Amino acid sequence: MTHELQQQPFDIPGLNDAPTDVGDHDAAAQQQPQRPARRKATIDDGMNPELVAGADFDGVLGIPVIKRPAEFVIPSNIIPFSKRARDDDPTLAVGFYEMDTEFADVLIDPERFADEFRRRPLISPDCSLYRDAPLAVQIANVYRSRAIGYYYQSRGAYVIPQIRWGNSLTYTTEALPERLAFLGVEKHGIVAIGTYGCIRTADDKHEFAAGLDAMMKTLEPEIVLVYGPMPEQIFNPYKHRARFEPYDDWTSRTKSRD
């Protein structure tokens, strides 16, 4: 049995209305709310390929490499990016041990800070690697940290790689053929790590210690800058293998001044 579709009147409001005067149309257009300008996203330009122009890439994931410096510079202290205007001491390193939103401008528009970051040591961005985050997100944040670090290094800044690991998938070969957290960093160099807020619970301490062990074996650094407390049970096994430089976190330093 064949069913024939019966044509029904289909009314779209305004479709059959008589044309309005052009002037009326312009006036109506002016009354329409303006769409807010969309903030540029990282993927708009393919993860900003200009940041890694001329870079070497490490591993199957192609993580940009931050080169080991010819000589090691030990900062007198580390100041958070959001607090950097409070002290222009050129011996201070600028670090990113704070919420990612505090240094979002660096992630969105790295070029804006290129001249400023040449004036004193810079630790590459500490993009968050939450242990419960999908592995793809952790990969992207490692890439972003190295890409921006390399970019500033290529623009003349003294860059110290920030090493951050998340869950075991980032510092073992359980899921990937290489240890993600350490890609893009040359061996026998100077690196920075942060313990502030990362070793509160027993699980935190276990995960941090396991990642630290993997870092020491993989990168064999000569100097390790540590932002935050250094519990002996975590760090003592490695103190004969590298020079560890401790730095109080910003909150502790400001409280001690009061």
Protein backbone atom coordinates (compact mmCIF):
# COMPACT_ATOMS: atom_id res chain seq x y z
CA MET A 1 0.00 0.00 0.00
CA THR A 2 1.35 3.37 -0.95
CA HIS A 3 0.77 6.37 1.19
CA GLU A 4 0.82 9.72 -0.52
CA LEU A 5 2.02 12.63 1.53
CA GLN A 6 -0.50 15.41 1.53
CA GLN A 7 1.03 18.83 1.16
CA GLN A 8 0.30 20.85 4.26
CA PRO A 9 0.71 24.56 4.65
CA PHE A 10 4.04 25.21 6.36
CA ASP A 11 4.24 28.62 7.87
CA ILE A 12 7.51 30.18 8.97
CA PRO A 13 6.94 33.42 10.83
CA GLY A 14 7.99 36.30 8.64
CA LEU A 15 8.58 34.15 5.54
CA ASN A 16 5.56 35.46 3.65
CA ASP A 17 5.61 38.93 5.07
CA ALA A 18 5.99 41.80 2.69
CA PRO A 19 9.54 43.14 2.41
CA THR A 20 10.29 45.84 4.90
CA ASP A 21 12.02 49.05 4.17
CA VAL A 22 15.82 48.84 4.20
CA GLY A 23 15.95 51.54 6.78
CA ASP A 24 13.71 49.51 9.06
CA HIS A 25 15.99 46.50 8.57
CA ASP A 26 19.08 48.50 9.54
CA ALA A 27 17.35 49.83 12.63
CA ALA A 28 16.32 46.32 13.64
CA ALA A 29 19.85 45.05 13.10
CA GLN A 30 21.23 47.73 15.37
CA GLN A 31 18.86 46.61 18.09
CA GLN A 32 20.12 43.02 17.97
CA PRO A 33 22.41 42.16 20.88
CA GLN A 34 26.04 41.95 19.85
CA ARG A 35 27.65 38.55 20.16
CA PRO A 36 30.53 38.78 22.64
CA ALA A 37 33.98 38.29 21.17
CA ARG A 38 35.13 34.72 21.69
CA ARG A 39 38.42 34.31 23.47
CA LYS A 40 40.99 32.57 21.34
CA ALA A 41 41.39 28.88 22.13
CA THR A 42 44.62 26.90 22.04
CA ILE A 43 43.36 24.69 19.24
CA ASP A 44 42.43 27.63 17.00
CA ASP A 45 45.94 27.70 15.55
CA GLY A 46 46.82 24.04 15.97
CA MET A 47 48.33 24.32 19.46
CA ASN A 48 50.37 27.39 18.46
CA PRO A 49 53.00 25.77 16.20
CA GLU A 50 54.98 29.02 16.16
CA LEU A 51 56.00 28.32 19.76
CA VAL A 52 58.04 25.29 18.74
CA ALA A 53 59.60 26.57 15.52
CA GLY A 54 63.11 25.11 15.39
CA ALA A 55 62.60 22.82 18.38
CA ASP A 56 63.77 19.25 18.76
CA PHE A 57 61.03 16.80 19.71
CA ASP A 58 61.29 13.93 22.15
CA GLY A 59 59.69 10.50 21.94
CA VAL A 60 56.77 9.13 19.99
CA LEU A 61 54.59 11.91 21.44
CA GLY A 62 56.82 14.62 20.00
CA ILE A 63 57.27 16.68 23.17
CA PRO A 64 59.34 19.85 22.54
CA VAL A 65 62.77 19.79 24.19
CA ILE A 66 63.96 22.46 26.63
CA LYS A 67 67.73 22.46 26.21
CA ARG A 68 70.08 21.98 29.14
CA PRO A 69 71.85 25.32 29.78
CA ALA A 70 75.58 25.66 29.28
CA GLU A 71 75.92 26.69 32.92
CA PHE A 72 73.66 26.29 35.90
CA VAL A 73 72.14 29.32 37.62
CA ILE A 74 70.78 28.85 41.14
CA PRO A 75 68.02 31.40 41.87
CA SER A 76 68.11 33.18 45.21
CA ASN A 77 64.41 32.38 45.59
CA ILE A 78 61.25 31.64 43.58
CA ILE A 79 58.44 34.14 43.21
CA PRO A 80 55.01 33.15 41.84
CA PHE A 81 54.07 34.63 38.49
CA SER A 82 51.08 36.47 39.95
CA LYS A 83 53.29 38.09 42.62
CA ARG A 84 56.26 38.97 40.42
CA ALA A 85 55.54 42.70 40.41
CA ARG A 86 56.21 42.84 44.16
CA ASP A 87 59.93 42.22 43.73
CA ASP A 88 62.04 42.91 40.64
CA ASP A 89 65.20 41.30 42.03
CA PRO A 90 66.91 39.75 38.97
CA THR A 91 68.20 36.82 41.04
CA LEU A 92 64.65 35.61 41.74
CA ALA A 93 63.20 32.96 39.46
CA VAL A 94 59.63 33.37 38.29
CA GLY A 95 57.66 30.17 38.92
CA PHE A 96 54.11 29.00 38.32
CA TYR A 97 53.29 27.14 41.52
CA GLU A 98 49.72 28.36 41.72
CA MET A 99 46.35 27.72 40.12
CA ASP A 100 46.54 27.56 36.34
CA THR A 101 44.04 30.41 36.13
CA GLU A 102 46.63 32.69 37.75
CA PHE A 103 48.92 32.34 34.74
CA ALA A 104 46.30 31.83 32.04
CA ASP A 105 47.60 34.90 30.21
CA VAL A 106 50.93 33.15 29.71
CA LEU A 107 49.22 30.08 28.27
CA ILE A 108 46.98 32.14 25.98
CA ASP A 109 49.47 34.78 24.81
CA PRO A 110 53.07 33.71 25.54
CA GLU A 111 54.57 36.35 23.26
CA ARG A 112 53.27 39.12 25.49
CA PHE A 113 55.78 38.19 28.23
CA ALA A 114 58.83 37.29 26.12
CA ASP A 115 60.76 40.49 26.83
CA GLU A 116 59.94 40.49 30.54
CA PHE A 117 61.00 36.88 31.06
CA ARG A 118 64.49 37.54 29.72
CA ARG A 119 65.30 39.62 32.78
CA ARG A 120 65.61 36.80 35.32
CA PRO A 121 65.46 32.99 35.55
CA LEU A 122 62.19 31.39 34.54
CA ILE A 123 60.74 28.03 35.54
CA SER A 124 58.56 26.64 32.78
CA PRO A 125 54.78 26.67 33.45
CA ASP A 126 53.54 24.18 36.01
CA CYS A 127 50.46 23.06 34.09
CA SER A 128 48.34 20.84 36.32
CA LEU A 129 48.61 17.07 36.01
CA TYR A 130 45.79 15.87 38.24
CA ARG A 131 45.99 12.18 39.00
CA ASP A 132 42.34 11.65 38.11
CA ALA A 133 42.58 13.55 34.83
CA PRO A 134 42.37 11.61 31.54
CA LEU A 135 45.78 10.67 30.17
CA ALA A 136 45.12 12.78 27.06
CA VAL A 137 44.78 15.88 29.25
CA GLN A 138 48.00 15.08 31.10
CA ILE A 139 49.82 14.63 27.78
CA ALA A 140 48.50 17.98 26.54
CA ASN A 141 49.64 19.77 29.69
CA VAL A 142 53.15 18.32 29.53
CA TYR A 143 53.34 19.38 25.89
CA ARG A 144 52.12 22.88 26.72
CA SER A 145 54.63 23.34 29.53
CA ARG A 146 57.56 22.27 27.36
CA ALA A 147 56.38 24.22 24.31
CA ILE A 148 56.13 27.47 26.24
CA GLY A 149 59.39 26.79 28.07
CA TYR A 150 61.16 26.14 24.77
CA TYR A 151 59.61 29.27 23.26
CA TYR A 152 60.95 31.51 26.02
CA GLN A 153 64.33 29.79 25.84
CA SER A 154 64.46 30.47 22.11
CA ARG A 155 63.71 34.13 22.86
CA GLY A 156 66.68 34.42 25.19
CA ALA A 157 65.27 33.53 28.62
CA TYR A 158 67.13 31.30 31.07
CA VAL A 159 64.59 28.50 31.42
CA ILE A 160 64.58 25.78 34.06
CA PRO A 161 62.27 22.87 33.17
CA GLN A 162 59.45 22.26 35.62
CA ILE A 163 58.89 18.53 36.15
CA ARG A 164 55.40 17.51 37.18
CA TRP A 165 53.92 14.02 37.20
CA GLY A 166 50.35 12.91 37.77
CA ASN A 167 49.34 9.30 38.23
CA SER A 168 51.61 6.35 37.52
CA LEU A 169 50.75 6.46 33.82
CA THR A 170 52.84 9.63 33.56
CA TYR A 171 56.05 8.35 35.15
CA THR A 172 56.02 4.66 34.17
CA THR A 173 55.61 2.76 30.91
CA GLU A 174 52.30 1.18 31.94
CA ALA A 175 50.36 2.95 29.17
CA LEU A 176 52.98 4.65 27.01
CA PRO A 177 56.31 3.43 25.62
CA GLU A 178 58.07 6.32 27.39
CA ARG A 179 57.75 8.13 30.69
CA LEU A 180 55.63 11.11 29.74
CA ALA A 181 56.53 13.33 32.70
CA PHE A 182 60.20 13.45 31.73
CA LEU A 183 59.96 13.87 27.96
CA GLY A 184 61.35 17.09 26.56
CA VAL A 185 64.02 17.45 29.27
CA GLU A 186 67.69 16.61 28.75
CA LYS A 187 69.60 14.46 31.21
CA HIS A 188 72.19 15.73 33.70
CA GLY A 189 70.68 19.20 33.88
CA ILE A 190 68.91 21.53 36.28
CA VAL A 191 65.21 20.96 36.93
CA ALA A 192 62.52 22.25 39.27
CA ILE A 193 59.80 20.38 41.14
CA GLY A 194 57.09 21.46 43.56
CA THR A 195 55.87 19.70 46.69
CA TYR A 196 53.58 22.46 47.93
CA GLY A 197 50.08 20.99 48.24
CA CYS A 198 51.20 17.68 46.76
CA ILE A 199 52.27 15.63 49.78
CA ARG A 200 49.41 16.10 52.22
CA THR A 201 48.02 12.56 52.43
CA ALA A 202 49.64 9.15 52.56
CA ASP A 203 48.54 8.52 48.98
CA ASP A 204 50.01 11.87 47.92
CA LYS A 205 53.34 11.03 49.53
CA HIS A 206 53.44 7.58 47.96
CA GLU A 207 52.68 8.90 44.47
CA PHE A 208 55.14 11.77 44.81
CA ALA A 209 57.93 9.52 46.07
CA ALA A 210 57.38 7.05 43.24
CA GLY A 211 57.48 9.85 40.69
CA LEU A 212 60.59 11.37 42.24
CA ASP A 213 62.36 8.02 42.08
CA ALA A 214 61.45 7.68 38.41
CA MET A 215 62.66 11.21 37.70
CA MET A 216 66.02 10.67 39.37
CA LYS A 217 66.57 7.44 37.43
CA THR A 218 65.39 8.83 34.10
CA LEU A 219 66.88 12.33 34.04
CA GLU A 220 69.80 11.95 36.49
CA PRO A 221 69.69 15.70 37.21
CA GLU A 222 72.64 17.51 38.72
CA ILE A 223 70.53 20.19 40.43
CA VAL A 224 66.93 19.96 41.64
CA LEU A 225 65.11 23.07 42.81
CA VAL A 226 62.35 22.16 45.26
CA TYR A 227 59.48 24.57 45.87
CA GLY A 228 57.89 23.59 49.16
CA PRO A 229 58.77 21.23 52.02
CA MET A 230 61.30 18.42 51.62
CA PRO A 231 60.36 15.51 53.93
CA GLU A 232 63.45 13.50 54.80
CA GLN A 233 61.76 10.15 54.21
CA ILE A 234 61.09 11.17 50.61
CA PHE A 235 64.27 13.05 49.70
CA ASN A 236 67.07 11.54 51.78
CA PRO A 237 67.61 8.53 49.46
CA TYR A 238 68.58 10.90 46.62
CA LYS A 239 70.62 13.61 48.30
CA HIS A 240 73.88 11.91 47.37
CA ARG A 241 72.89 11.82 43.70
CA ALA A 242 72.08 15.49 43.09
CA ARG A 243 72.24 18.92 44.64
CA PHE A 244 68.82 19.79 46.06
CA GLU A 245 67.98 23.47 46.58
CA PRO A 246 64.95 24.04 48.85
CA TYR A 247 62.69 27.08 48.60
CA ASP A 248 59.88 27.95 50.99
CA ASP A 249 56.53 28.36 49.31
CA TRP A 250 55.13 31.87 48.99
CA THR A 251 52.47 31.41 51.69
CA SER A 252 55.01 30.24 54.27
CA ARG A 253 57.38 33.07 53.40
CA THR A 254 54.75 35.77 53.73
CA LYS A 255 53.51 34.36 57.05
CA SER A 256 57.04 34.33 58.45
CA ARG A 257 57.35 38.05 57.71
CA ASP A 258 54.27 38.92 59.75
